[in-house]
């Protein structure tokens, strides 16, 4: 597959009053033409910082400590803002988490879509209006000609998110970054938005980076999955490898916390403890596997030495000492065993995932 984006050993920190916060610690991944890459992890894992670095939207206190983001033979991390302005929105677009804060509350939605067309594509106003209405129809807005003149408060949460998607699609970008695009929506609307993003991906041959904290959301839409914890990728692979042959205890924990209607368990599994303090100082040294304090499978080496990436298959890697040849064999959590067993049964019956 054609490689469209390459992130190599990206390191991003932030200056804070407490010290230097290590937000992204050596992240590397590729994005291919026409695929959906999901980046999954809890709040503070570094997934949104990574996506904002790709968009050139890092805060003023951000420090680029190393690594590159290669797109069209340019390193986006050192691209001047005047050049980046031509890429942002035109080549790489983003859907943000909260549609209400993404839209201007005192501007008609139609004007907000046409603004993108006029600014980036220099499209005449009449043609931009026609194109905006077409985009509204494409993302499923009924009575688009009428609703073009309405304000964001006149739309439901799901319809507002559709408007945000229309704006992101206005300039025919090659890459669409969706940062928790369904978090503020109820489950039914969430499914509709995911279906819409999938539909547009196929129709436009888009490359999508889907950011989420919920593995369940990406089960049926991602091609590959990156699992992040404490600013580092702890496991990555094809979606089937992550769901049905997971190797990192953090991935097990995320899978175990997914709701499951096929079990008699009354309580959802929770990941114990809290994410680590990522501000490095003499009193807080970041070392070892940072998931170790929350990991019941942790060994002594986890507290002392950061694990390398162990190869599971040509496409599947995980950073856990449990994959070392000398590590003890452990039993998978029951919830993960159920997921794998159900998948195996469906495979035997000839069903798809």
C-alpha atoms as a PDB file:
ATOM      1  CA  UNK A   1       0.000   0.000   0.000  1.00  0.00           C
ATOM      2  CA  UNK A   2       1.082   3.559  -0.715  1.00  0.00           C
ATOM      3  CA  UNK A   3       2.491   5.289   2.362  1.00  0.00           C
ATOM      4  CA  UNK A   4       0.966   8.765   2.705  1.00  0.00           C
ATOM      5  CA  UNK A   5       2.269   9.830   6.149  1.00  0.00           C
ATOM      6  CA  UNK A   6       5.242   8.695   8.227  1.00  0.00           C
ATOM      7  CA  UNK A   7       5.747   9.586  11.892  1.00  0.00           C
ATOM      8  CA  UNK A   8       9.249   8.696  13.100  1.00  0.00           C
ATOM      9  CA  UNK A   9      10.458   8.746  16.722  1.00  0.00           C
ATOM     10  CA  UNK A  10       8.334  11.799  17.562  1.00  0.00           C
ATOM     11  CA  UNK A  11       9.100  13.415  20.926  1.00  0.00           C
ATOM     12  CA  UNK A  12       7.003  16.329  22.199  1.00  0.00           C
ATOM     13  CA  UNK A  13       7.101  17.885  25.660  1.00  0.00           C
ATOM     14  CA  UNK A  14       5.462  20.896  27.288  1.00  0.00           C
ATOM     15  CA  UNK A  15       6.825  23.557  29.601  1.00  0.00           C
ATOM     16  CA  UNK A  16       4.670  23.717  32.731  1.00  0.00           C
ATOM     17  CA  UNK A  17       5.007  25.412  36.121  1.00  0.00           C
ATOM     18  CA  UNK A  18       5.830  22.013  37.623  1.00  0.00           C
ATOM     19  CA  UNK A  19       8.533  21.217  35.044  1.00  0.00           C
ATOM     20  CA  UNK A  20       8.802  19.537  31.635  1.00  0.00           C
ATOM     21  CA  UNK A  21       5.851  17.286  30.812  1.00  0.00           C
ATOM     22  CA  UNK A  22       6.843  14.419  28.515  1.00  0.00           C
ATOM     23  CA  UNK A  23       3.674  14.089  26.400  1.00  0.00           C
ATOM     24  CA  UNK A  24       4.896  12.043  23.415  1.00  0.00           C
ATOM     25  CA  UNK A  25       7.929   9.785  23.872  1.00  0.00           C
ATOM     26  CA  UNK A  26       9.335   8.353  20.658  1.00  0.00           C
ATOM     27  CA  UNK A  27       6.161   7.587  18.703  1.00  0.00           C
ATOM     28  CA  UNK A  28       6.499   6.011  15.230  1.00  0.00           C
ATOM     29  CA  UNK A  29       3.820   4.844  12.785  1.00  0.00           C
ATOM     30  CA  UNK A  30       2.846   4.987   9.104  1.00  0.00           C
ATOM     31  CA  UNK A  31      -0.467   5.843   7.478  1.00  0.00           C
ATOM     32  CA  UNK A  32      -1.347   4.274   4.128  1.00  0.00           C
ATOM     33  CA  UNK A  33      -3.587   5.544   1.365  1.00  0.00           C
ATOM     34  CA  UNK A  34      -7.243   4.598   1.932  1.00  0.00           C
ATOM     35  CA  UNK A  35      -6.809   3.037   5.391  1.00  0.00           C
ATOM     36  CA  UNK A  36      -8.153   3.864   8.821  1.00  0.00           C
ATOM     37  CA  UNK A  37      -5.544   3.881  11.575  1.00  0.00           C
ATOM     38  CA  UNK A  38      -7.001   4.025  15.087  1.00  0.00           C
ATOM     39  CA  UNK A  39      -4.969   5.509  17.938  1.00  0.00           C
ATOM     40  CA  UNK A  40      -6.395   4.301  21.248  1.00  0.00           C
ATOM     41  CA  UNK A  41      -5.594   5.196  24.838  1.00  0.00           C
ATOM     42  CA  UNK A  42      -6.792   6.888  28.005  1.00  0.00           C
ATOM     43  CA  UNK A  43      -6.764  10.664  28.485  1.00  0.00           C
ATOM     44  CA  UNK A  44      -3.163  11.815  28.793  1.00  0.00           C
ATOM     45  CA  UNK A  45      -1.751   8.989  26.673  1.00  0.00           C
ATOM     46  CA  UNK A  46      -0.449  11.421  24.041  1.00  0.00           C
ATOM     47  CA  UNK A  47      -2.827  10.503  21.222  1.00  0.00           C
ATOM     48  CA  UNK A  48      -4.373  13.966  20.787  1.00  0.00           C
ATOM     49  CA  UNK A  49      -0.987  15.692  21.074  1.00  0.00           C
ATOM     50  CA  UNK A  50       0.271  13.457  18.262  1.00  0.00           C
ATOM     51  CA  UNK A  51      -2.704  14.374  16.068  1.00  0.00           C
ATOM     52  CA  UNK A  52      -2.324  18.091  16.776  1.00  0.00           C
ATOM     53  CA  UNK A  53       1.349  17.889  15.858  1.00  0.00           C
ATOM     54  CA  UNK A  54       0.302  16.489  12.473  1.00  0.00           C
ATOM     55  CA  UNK A  55      -2.080  19.445  12.081  1.00  0.00           C
ATOM     56  CA  UNK A  56       0.515  21.987  13.272  1.00  0.00           C
ATOM     57  CA  UNK A  57      -1.765  23.011  16.142  1.00  0.00           C
ATOM     58  CA  UNK A  58       0.499  22.501  19.154  1.00  0.00           C
ATOM     59  CA  UNK A  59       0.267  24.986  22.018  1.00  0.00           C
ATOM     60  CA  UNK A  60       2.861  27.722  22.422  1.00  0.00           C
ATOM     61  CA  UNK A  61       4.524  25.929  25.347  1.00  0.00           C
ATOM     62  CA  UNK A  62       5.190  22.783  23.273  1.00  0.00           C
ATOM     63  CA  UNK A  63       8.786  21.633  22.769  1.00  0.00           C
ATOM     64  CA  UNK A  64       9.714  19.516  19.765  1.00  0.00           C
ATOM     65  CA  UNK A  65      12.479  17.364  21.236  1.00  0.00           C
ATOM     66  CA  UNK A  66      13.000  15.083  18.254  1.00  0.00           C
ATOM     67  CA  UNK A  67      11.548  13.042  15.448  1.00  0.00           C
ATOM     68  CA  UNK A  68       9.718  13.905  12.252  1.00  0.00           C
ATOM     69  CA  UNK A  69       6.319  13.815  10.543  1.00  0.00           C
ATOM     70  CA  UNK A  70       6.882  13.268   6.813  1.00  0.00           C
ATOM     71  CA  UNK A  71       4.117  14.230   4.361  1.00  0.00           C
ATOM     72  CA  UNK A  72       4.693  14.831   0.636  1.00  0.00           C
ATOM     73  CA  UNK A  73       8.473  14.871   1.210  1.00  0.00           C
ATOM     74  CA  UNK A  74       8.133  17.612   3.848  1.00  0.00           C
ATOM     75  CA  UNK A  75       8.826  17.323   7.565  1.00  0.00           C
ATOM     76  CA  UNK A  76       5.730  18.943   9.079  1.00  0.00           C
ATOM     77  CA  UNK A  77       7.568  19.517  12.363  1.00  0.00           C
ATOM     78  CA  UNK A  78       9.900  22.054  10.723  1.00  0.00           C
ATOM     79  CA  UNK A  79       7.555  23.416   8.033  1.00  0.00           C
ATOM     80  CA  UNK A  80       7.111  27.230   8.348  1.00  0.00           C
ATOM     81  CA  UNK A  81       3.599  28.349   9.289  1.00  0.00           C
ATOM     82  CA  UNK A  82       2.968  30.128   5.970  1.00  0.00           C
ATOM     83  CA  UNK A  83       3.623  26.842   4.142  1.00  0.00           C
ATOM     84  CA  UNK A  84       1.710  24.790   6.717  1.00  0.00           C
ATOM     85  CA  UNK A  85      -1.305  27.035   6.174  1.00  0.00           C
ATOM     86  CA  UNK A  86      -1.541  25.654   2.622  1.00  0.00           C
ATOM     87  CA  UNK A  87      -1.489  22.063   3.941  1.00  0.00           C
ATOM     88  CA  UNK A  88      -3.835  22.460   6.919  1.00  0.00           C
ATOM     89  CA  UNK A  89      -7.420  22.042   5.773  1.00  0.00           C
ATOM     90  CA  UNK A  90      -6.443  21.497   2.148  1.00  0.00           C
ATOM     91  CA  UNK A  91      -4.333  18.329   2.480  1.00  0.00           C
ATOM     92  CA  UNK A  92      -4.918  17.360   6.115  1.00  0.00           C
ATOM     93  CA  UNK A  93      -8.238  18.096   7.859  1.00  0.00           C
ATOM     94  CA  UNK A  94      -9.523  17.458  11.345  1.00  0.00           C
ATOM     95  CA  UNK A  95     -12.849  16.684  13.026  1.00  0.00           C
ATOM     96  CA  UNK A  96     -12.748  17.842  16.637  1.00  0.00           C
ATOM     97  CA  UNK A  97     -14.382  16.249  19.657  1.00  0.00           C
ATOM     98  CA  UNK A  98     -17.022  18.835  20.531  1.00  0.00           C
ATOM     99  CA  UNK A  99     -18.989  20.126  17.521  1.00  0.00           C
ATOM    100  CA  UNK A 100     -20.446  23.057  19.499  1.00  0.00           C
ATOM    101  CA  UNK A 101     -17.014  24.469  20.302  1.00  0.00           C
ATOM    102  CA  UNK A 102     -15.817  23.772  16.738  1.00  0.00           C
ATOM    103  CA  UNK A 103     -18.544  25.916  15.187  1.00  0.00           C
ATOM    104  CA  UNK A 104     -19.034  29.673  15.447  1.00  0.00           C
ATOM    105  CA  UNK A 105     -22.358  30.063  17.328  1.00  0.00           C
ATOM    106  CA  UNK A 106     -23.183  33.442  15.703  1.00  0.00           C
ATOM    107  CA  UNK A 107     -22.454  32.423  12.105  1.00  0.00           C
ATOM    108  CA  UNK A 108     -24.828  30.502   9.836  1.00  0.00           C
ATOM    109  CA  UNK A 109     -23.577  26.971   9.192  1.00  0.00           C
ATOM    110  CA  UNK A 110     -23.618  27.503   5.435  1.00  0.00           C
ATOM    111  CA  UNK A 111     -21.276  30.461   5.753  1.00  0.00           C
ATOM    112  CA  UNK A 112     -18.894  28.362   7.846  1.00  0.00           C
ATOM    113  CA  UNK A 113     -18.660  25.747   5.090  1.00  0.00           C
ATOM    114  CA  UNK A 114     -18.316  28.277   2.259  1.00  0.00           C
ATOM    115  CA  UNK A 115     -15.597  30.110   4.209  1.00  0.00           C
ATOM    116  CA  UNK A 116     -13.354  27.054   3.878  1.00  0.00           C
ATOM    117  CA  UNK A 117     -14.038  26.850   0.135  1.00  0.00           C
ATOM    118  CA  UNK A 118     -13.446  30.551  -0.508  1.00  0.00           C
ATOM    119  CA  UNK A 119     -10.285  30.826   1.604  1.00  0.00           C
ATOM    120  CA  UNK A 120      -8.531  27.653   0.489  1.00  0.00           C
ATOM    121  CA  UNK A 121      -9.841  27.069  -3.036  1.00  0.00           C
ATOM    122  CA  UNK A 122     -10.543  30.718  -3.989  1.00  0.00           C
ATOM    123  CA  UNK A 123     -13.996  29.575  -5.116  1.00  0.00           C
ATOM    124  CA  UNK A 124     -16.545  32.261  -6.152  1.00  0.00           C
ATOM    125  CA  UNK A 125     -19.270  32.805  -3.540  1.00  0.00           C
ATOM    126  CA  UNK A 126     -22.130  31.464  -5.679  1.00  0.00           C
ATOM    127  CA  UNK A 127     -20.214  28.309  -6.577  1.00  0.00           C
ATOM    128  CA  UNK A 128     -19.071  27.926  -2.940  1.00  0.00           C
ATOM    129  CA  UNK A 129     -22.703  28.043  -1.767  1.00  0.00           C
ATOM    130  CA  UNK A 130     -23.683  25.351  -4.273  1.00  0.00           C
ATOM    131  CA  UNK A 131     -20.770  23.179  -3.172  1.00  0.00           C
ATOM    132  CA  UNK A 132     -21.606  23.725   0.522  1.00  0.00           C
ATOM    133  CA  UNK A 133     -25.173  22.520  -0.045  1.00  0.00           C
ATOM    134  CA  UNK A 134     -23.807  19.470  -1.893  1.00  0.00           C
ATOM    135  CA  UNK A 135     -21.532  18.716   1.070  1.00  0.00           C
ATOM    136  CA  UNK A 136     -24.420  19.083   3.524  1.00  0.00           C
ATOM    137  CA  UNK A 137     -26.389  16.548   1.491  1.00  0.00           C
ATOM    138  CA  UNK A 138     -23.352  14.251   1.309  1.00  0.00           C
ATOM    139  CA  UNK A 139     -23.081  14.128   5.106  1.00  0.00           C
ATOM    140  CA  UNK A 140     -26.804  13.481   5.518  1.00  0.00           C
ATOM    141  CA  UNK A 141     -28.281  16.891   6.410  1.00  0.00           C
ATOM    142  CA  UNK A 142     -31.980  16.872   5.335  1.00  0.00           C
ATOM    143  CA  UNK A 143     -33.412  19.973   3.618  1.00  0.00           C
ATOM    144  CA  UNK A 144     -29.894  21.256   3.037  1.00  0.00           C
ATOM    145  CA  UNK A 145     -30.998  24.303   1.021  1.00  0.00           C
ATOM    146  CA  UNK A 146     -33.099  25.509   3.965  1.00  0.00           C
ATOM    147  CA  UNK A 147     -30.707  24.512   6.757  1.00  0.00           C
ATOM    148  CA  UNK A 148     -27.804  26.260   5.007  1.00  0.00           C
ATOM    149  CA  UNK A 149     -29.125  29.509   6.564  1.00  0.00           C
ATOM    150  CA  UNK A 150     -29.573  28.176  10.097  1.00  0.00           C
ATOM    151  CA  UNK A 151     -27.292  28.615  13.141  1.00  0.00           C
ATOM    152  CA  UNK A 152     -25.522  25.828  15.083  1.00  0.00           C
ATOM    153  CA  UNK A 153     -27.974  26.028  18.026  1.00  0.00           C
ATOM    154  CA  UNK A 154     -30.758  25.003  15.615  1.00  0.00           C
ATOM    155  CA  UNK A 155     -29.057  21.635  15.015  1.00  0.00           C
ATOM    156  CA  UNK A 156     -28.871  18.553  17.237  1.00  0.00           C
ATOM    157  CA  UNK A 157     -25.471  17.308  18.445  1.00  0.00           C
ATOM    158  CA  UNK A 158     -25.317  14.660  15.716  1.00  0.00           C
ATOM    159  CA  UNK A 159     -26.282  17.153  12.995  1.00  0.00           C
ATOM    160  CA  UNK A 160     -23.693  19.651  14.264  1.00  0.00           C
ATOM    161  CA  UNK A 161     -21.042  16.956  13.994  1.00  0.00           C
ATOM    162  CA  UNK A 162     -22.160  16.324  10.415  1.00  0.00           C
ATOM    163  CA  UNK A 163     -21.623  20.025   9.675  1.00  0.00           C
ATOM    164  CA  UNK A 164     -18.111  19.784  11.183  1.00  0.00           C
ATOM    165  CA  UNK A 165     -17.434  16.780   8.915  1.00  0.00           C
ATOM    166  CA  UNK A 166     -18.704  18.758   5.903  1.00  0.00           C
ATOM    167  CA  UNK A 167     -16.252  21.574   6.721  1.00  0.00           C
ATOM    168  CA  UNK A 168     -13.406  19.050   7.067  1.00  0.00           C
ATOM    169  CA  UNK A 169     -14.289  17.549   3.676  1.00  0.00           C
ATOM    170  CA  UNK A 170     -14.732  20.875   1.883  1.00  0.00           C
ATOM    171  CA  UNK A 171     -11.243  21.046   0.413  1.00  0.00           C
ATOM    172  CA  UNK A 172     -10.848  17.391  -0.604  1.00  0.00           C
ATOM    173  CA  UNK A 173      -8.094  16.636   1.922  1.00  0.00           C
ATOM    174  CA  UNK A 174      -6.037  13.448   1.595  1.00  0.00           C
ATOM    175  CA  UNK A 175      -5.928  12.799   5.350  1.00  0.00           C
ATOM    176  CA  UNK A 176      -8.797  13.179   7.816  1.00  0.00           C
ATOM    177  CA  UNK A 177      -8.001  13.182  11.533  1.00  0.00           C
ATOM    178  CA  UNK A 178     -11.036  12.396  13.695  1.00  0.00           C
ATOM    179  CA  UNK A 179     -10.273  13.298  17.322  1.00  0.00           C
ATOM    180  CA  UNK A 180     -12.869  11.585  19.548  1.00  0.00           C
ATOM    181  CA  UNK A 181     -15.624  12.621  17.076  1.00  0.00           C
ATOM    182  CA  UNK A 182     -18.405  10.680  18.818  1.00  0.00           C
ATOM    183  CA  UNK A 183     -17.623  11.256  22.510  1.00  0.00           C
ATOM    184  CA  UNK A 184     -20.317  13.914  23.056  1.00  0.00           C
ATOM    185  CA  UNK A 185     -23.017  11.921  21.235  1.00  0.00           C
ATOM    186  CA  UNK A 186     -25.454   9.239  22.385  1.00  0.00           C
ATOM    187  CA  UNK A 187     -24.890   5.662  21.252  1.00  0.00           C
ATOM    188  CA  UNK A 188     -27.399   5.689  18.369  1.00  0.00           C
ATOM    189  CA  UNK A 189     -26.047   8.922  16.865  1.00  0.00           C
ATOM    190  CA  UNK A 190     -22.511   7.696  17.519  1.00  0.00           C
ATOM    191  CA  UNK A 191     -23.138   4.677  15.287  1.00  0.00           C
ATOM    192  CA  UNK A 192     -24.538   6.918  12.540  1.00  0.00           C
ATOM    193  CA  UNK A 193     -21.479   9.187  12.586  1.00  0.00           C
ATOM    194  CA  UNK A 194     -19.107   6.203  12.462  1.00  0.00           C
ATOM    195  CA  UNK A 195     -21.065   4.783   9.523  1.00  0.00           C
ATOM    196  CA  UNK A 196     -20.875   8.175   7.780  1.00  0.00           C
ATOM    197  CA  UNK A 197     -17.096   8.439   8.276  1.00  0.00           C
ATOM    198  CA  UNK A 198     -16.676   4.891   6.908  1.00  0.00           C
ATOM    199  CA  UNK A 199     -18.861   5.685   3.904  1.00  0.00           C
ATOM    200  CA  UNK A 200     -16.934   8.858   3.065  1.00  0.00           C
ATOM    201  CA  UNK A 201     -13.613   7.057   3.485  1.00  0.00           C
ATOM    202  CA  UNK A 202     -14.582   4.476   0.857  1.00  0.00           C
ATOM    203  CA  UNK A 203     -16.115   6.985  -1.555  1.00  0.00           C
ATOM    204  CA  UNK A 204     -13.150   9.374  -1.409  1.00  0.00           C
ATOM    205  CA  UNK A 205     -10.368   6.848  -0.779  1.00  0.00           C
ATOM    206  CA  UNK A 206      -9.467   8.884   2.302  1.00  0.00           C
ATOM    207  CA  UNK A 207      -6.759   8.050   4.805  1.00  0.00           C
ATOM    208  CA  UNK A 208      -8.151   8.418   8.333  1.00  0.00           C
ATOM    209  CA  UNK A 209      -6.490   8.707  11.731  1.00  0.00           C
ATOM    210  CA  UNK A 210      -9.183   7.928  14.295  1.00  0.00           C
ATOM    211  CA  UNK A 211      -8.406   9.028  17.863  1.00  0.00           C
ATOM    212  CA  UNK A 212     -10.408   7.424  20.678  1.00  0.00           C
ATOM    213  CA  UNK A 213     -10.246   6.108  24.235  1.00  0.00           C
ATOM    214  CA  UNK A 214     -12.681   3.306  23.391  1.00  0.00           C
ATOM    215  CA  UNK A 215     -11.427   0.183  21.610  1.00  0.00           C
ATOM    216  CA  UNK A 216     -15.001  -0.892  20.971  1.00  0.00           C
ATOM    217  CA  UNK A 217     -15.640   2.140  18.763  1.00  0.00           C
ATOM    218  CA  UNK A 218     -12.945   1.125  16.272  1.00  0.00           C
ATOM    219  CA  UNK A 219     -13.656  -2.616  16.127  1.00  0.00           C
ATOM    220  CA  UNK A 220     -15.519  -2.476  12.839  1.00  0.00           C
ATOM    221  CA  UNK A 221     -13.884   0.502  11.165  1.00  0.00           C
ATOM    222  CA  UNK A 222     -10.109   0.405  11.735  1.00  0.00           C
ATOM    223  CA  UNK A 223      -7.624  -1.436   9.535  1.00  0.00           C
ATOM    224  CA  UNK A 224      -4.768  -1.088  12.025  1.00  0.00           C
ATOM    225  CA  UNK A 225      -4.662  -0.042  15.683  1.00  0.00           C
ATOM    226  CA  UNK A 226      -2.029   1.822  17.699  1.00  0.00           C
ATOM    227  CA  UNK A 227      -2.401   1.499  21.487  1.00  0.00           C
ATOM    228  CA  UNK A 228      -0.779   4.355  23.429  1.00  0.00           C
ATOM    229  CA  UNK A 229       0.003   4.693  27.120  1.00  0.00           C
ATOM    230  CA  UNK A 230       1.958   7.470  28.869  1.00  0.00           C
ATOM    231  CA  UNK A 231       3.159   9.031  25.620  1.00  0.00           C
ATOM    232  CA  UNK A 232       4.424   5.791  24.101  1.00  0.00           C
ATOM    233  CA  UNK A 233       3.021   3.169  21.736  1.00  0.00           C
ATOM    234  CA  UNK A 234       2.746  -0.047  23.747  1.00  0.00           C
ATOM    235  CA  UNK A 235       1.207  -2.222  21.023  1.00  0.00           C
ATOM    236  CA  UNK A 236       0.331  -1.917  17.358  1.00  0.00           C
ATOM    237  CA  UNK A 237      -0.965  -4.226  14.685  1.00  0.00           C
ATOM    238  CA  UNK A 238      -3.856  -5.068  12.388  1.00  0.00           C
ATOM    239  CA  UNK A 239      -7.255  -4.700  14.011  1.00  0.00           C
ATOM    240  CA  UNK A 240      -7.767  -8.492  14.258  1.00  0.00           C
ATOM    241  CA  UNK A 241      -4.345  -8.894  15.895  1.00  0.00           C
ATOM    242  CA  UNK A 242      -5.111  -6.282  18.553  1.00  0.00           C
ATOM    243  CA  UNK A 243      -8.594  -7.635  19.319  1.00  0.00           C
ATOM    244  CA  UNK A 244      -8.023 -11.369  19.014  1.00  0.00           C
ATOM    245  CA  UNK A 245      -4.326 -11.819  19.801  1.00  0.00           C
ATOM    246  CA  UNK A 246      -3.498  -8.921  22.169  1.00  0.00           C
ATOM    247  CA  UNK A 247      -0.139  -9.104  23.946  1.00  0.00           C
ATOM    248  CA  UNK A 248       0.224  -6.032  26.188  1.00  0.00           C
ATOM    249  CA  UNK A 249      -1.483  -5.993  29.625  1.00  0.00           C
ATOM    250  CA  UNK A 250      -2.741  -2.466  28.910  1.00  0.00           C
ATOM    251  CA  UNK A 251      -4.478  -3.686  25.747  1.00  0.00           C
ATOM    252  CA  UNK A 252      -5.972  -6.509  27.832  1.00  0.00           C
ATOM    253  CA  UNK A 253      -7.224  -3.921  30.323  1.00  0.00           C
ATOM    254  CA  UNK A 254      -8.834  -1.792  27.591  1.00  0.00           C
ATOM    255  CA  UNK A 255     -10.529  -4.837  26.065  1.00  0.00           C
ATOM    256  CA  UNK A 256     -11.719  -5.989  29.495  1.00  0.00           C
ATOM    257  CA  UNK A 257     -13.333  -2.612  30.166  1.00  0.00           C
ATOM    258  CA  UNK A 258     -15.545  -2.851  27.062  1.00  0.00           C
ATOM    259  CA  UNK A 259     -19.255  -3.506  27.777  1.00  0.00           C
ATOM    260  CA  UNK A 260     -20.283  -7.056  26.844  1.00  0.00           C
ATOM    261  CA  UNK A 261     -23.923  -8.183  26.614  1.00  0.00           C
ATOM    262  CA  UNK A 262     -22.886 -11.827  26.315  1.00  0.00           C
ATOM    263  CA  UNK A 263     -21.704 -12.207  29.894  1.00  0.00           C
ATOM    264  CA  UNK A 264     -23.388 -12.622  33.264  1.00  0.00           C
ATOM    265  CA  UNK A 265     -20.875 -10.292  34.916  1.00  0.00           C
ATOM    266  CA  UNK A 266     -22.703  -7.389  36.568  1.00  0.00           C
ATOM    267  CA  UNK A 267     -19.710  -5.076  36.819  1.00  0.00           C
ATOM    268  CA  UNK A 268     -17.432  -3.698  34.128  1.00  0.00           C
ATOM    269  CA  UNK A 269     -13.728  -4.288  34.622  1.00  0.00           C
ATOM    270  CA  UNK A 270     -11.888  -1.101  35.623  1.00  0.00           C
ATOM    271  CA  UNK A 271      -8.192  -0.356  35.244  1.00  0.00           C
ATOM    272  CA  UNK A 272      -6.869   0.161  38.793  1.00  0.00           C
ATOM    273  CA  UNK A 273      -4.909   3.258  39.767  1.00  0.00           C
ATOM    274  CA  UNK A 274      -4.389   6.398  37.708  1.00  0.00           C
ATOM    275  CA  UNK A 275      -2.182   7.351  34.745  1.00  0.00           C
ATOM    276  CA  UNK A 276       1.360   8.377  35.729  1.00  0.00           C
ATOM    277  CA  UNK A 277       2.577  11.906  36.334  1.00  0.00           C
ATOM    278  CA  UNK A 278       4.438  12.712  33.116  1.00  0.00           C
ATOM    279  CA  UNK A 279       6.292  15.730  34.501  1.00  0.00           C
ATOM    280  CA  UNK A 280       9.901  14.571  34.765  1.00  0.00           C
ATOM    281  CA  UNK A 281      11.948  15.907  37.675  1.00  0.00           C
ATOM    282  CA  UNK A 282      14.504  14.774  40.240  1.00  0.00           C
ATOM    283  CA  UNK A 283      11.586  13.657  42.410  1.00  0.00           C
ATOM    284  CA  UNK A 284       9.756  11.942  39.538  1.00  0.00           C
ATOM    285  CA  UNK A 285      11.982   9.937  37.210  1.00  0.00           C
ATOM    286  CA  UNK A 286      10.210   8.257  34.296  1.00  0.00           C
ATOM    287  CA  UNK A 287      11.677   4.776  34.018  1.00  0.00           C
ATOM    288  CA  UNK A 288      10.652   1.227  33.278  1.00  0.00           C
ATOM    289  CA  UNK A 289       7.249   0.303  31.897  1.00  0.00           C
ATOM    290  CA  UNK A 290       5.063   3.167  33.145  1.00  0.00           C
ATOM    291  CA  UNK A 291       2.018   0.889  33.183  1.00  0.00           C
ATOM    292  CA  UNK A 292       3.714  -1.387  35.738  1.00  0.00           C
ATOM    293  CA  UNK A 293       2.165   0.203  38.901  1.00  0.00           C
ATOM    294  CA  UNK A 294      -1.320  -0.575  37.500  1.00  0.00           C
ATOM    295  CA  UNK A 295      -0.402  -3.961  36.041  1.00  0.00           C
ATOM    296  CA  UNK A 296      -1.029  -7.093  38.094  1.00  0.00           C
ATOM    297  CA  UNK A 297       1.234  -9.023  35.705  1.00  0.00           C
ATOM    298  CA  UNK A 298       4.202  -6.677  36.276  1.00  0.00           C
ATOM    299  CA  UNK A 299       7.603  -8.162  37.062  1.00  0.00           C
ATOM    300  CA  UNK A 300      10.580  -6.593  38.793  1.00  0.00           C
ATOM    301  CA  UNK A 301      12.187  -5.660  35.457  1.00  0.00           C
ATOM    302  CA  UNK A 302       9.067  -3.649  34.510  1.00  0.00           C
ATOM    303  CA  UNK A 303       9.844  -1.183  37.284  1.00  0.00           C
ATOM    304  CA  UNK A 304      13.451  -0.782  36.237  1.00  0.00           C
ATOM    305  CA  UNK A 305      13.778  -1.028  32.467  1.00  0.00           C
ATOM    306  CA  UNK A 306      11.537   0.105  29.635  1.00  0.00           C
ATOM    307  CA  UNK A 307      10.660  -2.884  27.428  1.00  0.00           C
ATOM    308  CA  UNK A 308      11.658  -2.915  23.749  1.00  0.00           C
ATOM    309  CA  UNK A 309       9.231  -3.832  20.988  1.00  0.00           C
ATOM    310  CA  UNK A 310       8.897  -7.591  20.635  1.00  0.00           C
ATOM    311  CA  UNK A 311       7.815  -8.885  17.238  1.00  0.00           C
ATOM    312  CA  UNK A 312       4.663 -11.020  17.266  1.00  0.00           C
ATOM    313  CA  UNK A 313       4.114 -11.104  13.485  1.00  0.00           C
ATOM    314  CA  UNK A 314       5.348  -9.017  10.549  1.00  0.00           C
ATOM    315  CA  UNK A 315       2.607  -6.487  11.335  1.00  0.00           C
ATOM    316  CA  UNK A 316       2.195  -6.896  15.105  1.00  0.00           C
ATOM    317  CA  UNK A 317       4.548  -5.602  17.826  1.00  0.00           C
ATOM    318  CA  UNK A 318       4.171  -5.061  21.571  1.00  0.00           C
ATOM    319  CA  UNK A 319       6.394  -3.432  24.191  1.00  0.00           C
ATOM    320  CA  UNK A 320       6.050  -5.812  27.122  1.00  0.00           C
ATOM    321  CA  UNK A 321       8.571  -7.948  28.990  1.00  0.00           C
ATOM    322  CA  UNK A 322       5.958 -10.731  29.028  1.00  0.00           C
ATOM    323  CA  UNK A 323       7.043 -11.506  25.457  1.00  0.00           C
ATOM    324  CA  UNK A 324      10.637 -12.119  26.508  1.00  0.00           C
ATOM    325  CA  UNK A 325      11.561 -15.820  26.142  1.00  0.00           C
ATOM    326  CA  UNK A 326      12.420 -16.025  29.858  1.00  0.00           C
ATOM    327  CA  UNK A 327       9.162 -14.414  31.052  1.00  0.00           C
ATOM    328  CA  UNK A 328       6.615 -16.574  32.906  1.00  0.00           C
ATOM    329  CA  UNK A 329       3.489 -17.610  31.034  1.00  0.00           C
ATOM    330  CA  UNK A 330       0.358 -15.841  32.297  1.00  0.00           C
ATOM    331  CA  UNK A 331      -3.328 -16.514  31.777  1.00  0.00           C
ATOM    332  CA  UNK A 332      -5.283 -13.923  29.810  1.00  0.00           C
ATOM    333  CA  UNK A 333      -8.028 -12.026  31.685  1.00  0.00           C
ATOM    334  CA  UNK A 334     -11.401 -13.781  31.461  1.00  0.00           C
ATOM    335  CA  UNK A 335     -12.972 -10.914  29.482  1.00  0.00           C
ATOM    336  CA  UNK A 336     -10.242 -11.158  26.826  1.00  0.00           C
ATOM    337  CA  UNK A 337     -10.614 -14.952  26.715  1.00  0.00           C
ATOM    338  CA  UNK A 338     -14.346 -14.474  26.045  1.00  0.00           C
ATOM    339  CA  UNK A 339     -13.661 -12.057  23.170  1.00  0.00           C
ATOM    340  CA  UNK A 340     -11.186 -14.474  21.568  1.00  0.00           C
ATOM    341  CA  UNK A 341     -13.455 -17.495  22.117  1.00  0.00           C
ATOM    342  CA  UNK A 342     -16.431 -15.703  20.562  1.00  0.00           C
ATOM    343  CA  UNK A 343     -14.315 -14.692  17.569  1.00  0.00           C
ATOM    344  CA  UNK A 344     -13.068 -18.256  17.117  1.00  0.00           C
ATOM    345  CA  UNK A 345     -16.624 -19.581  17.221  1.00  0.00           C
ATOM    346  CA  UNK A 346     -17.787 -17.047  14.640  1.00  0.00           C
ATOM    347  CA  UNK A 347     -14.808 -17.856  12.428  1.00  0.00           C
ATOM    348  CA  UNK A 348     -15.680 -21.572  12.571  1.00  0.00           C
ATOM    349  CA  UNK A 349     -19.249 -20.703  11.579  1.00  0.00           C
ATOM    350  CA  UNK A 350     -17.978 -18.674   8.625  1.00  0.00           C
ATOM    351  CA  UNK A 351     -19.151 -15.353  10.063  1.00  0.00           C
ATOM    352  CA  UNK A 352     -17.259 -12.108   9.641  1.00  0.00           C
ATOM    353  CA  UNK A 353     -16.249  -9.920  12.578  1.00  0.00           C
END
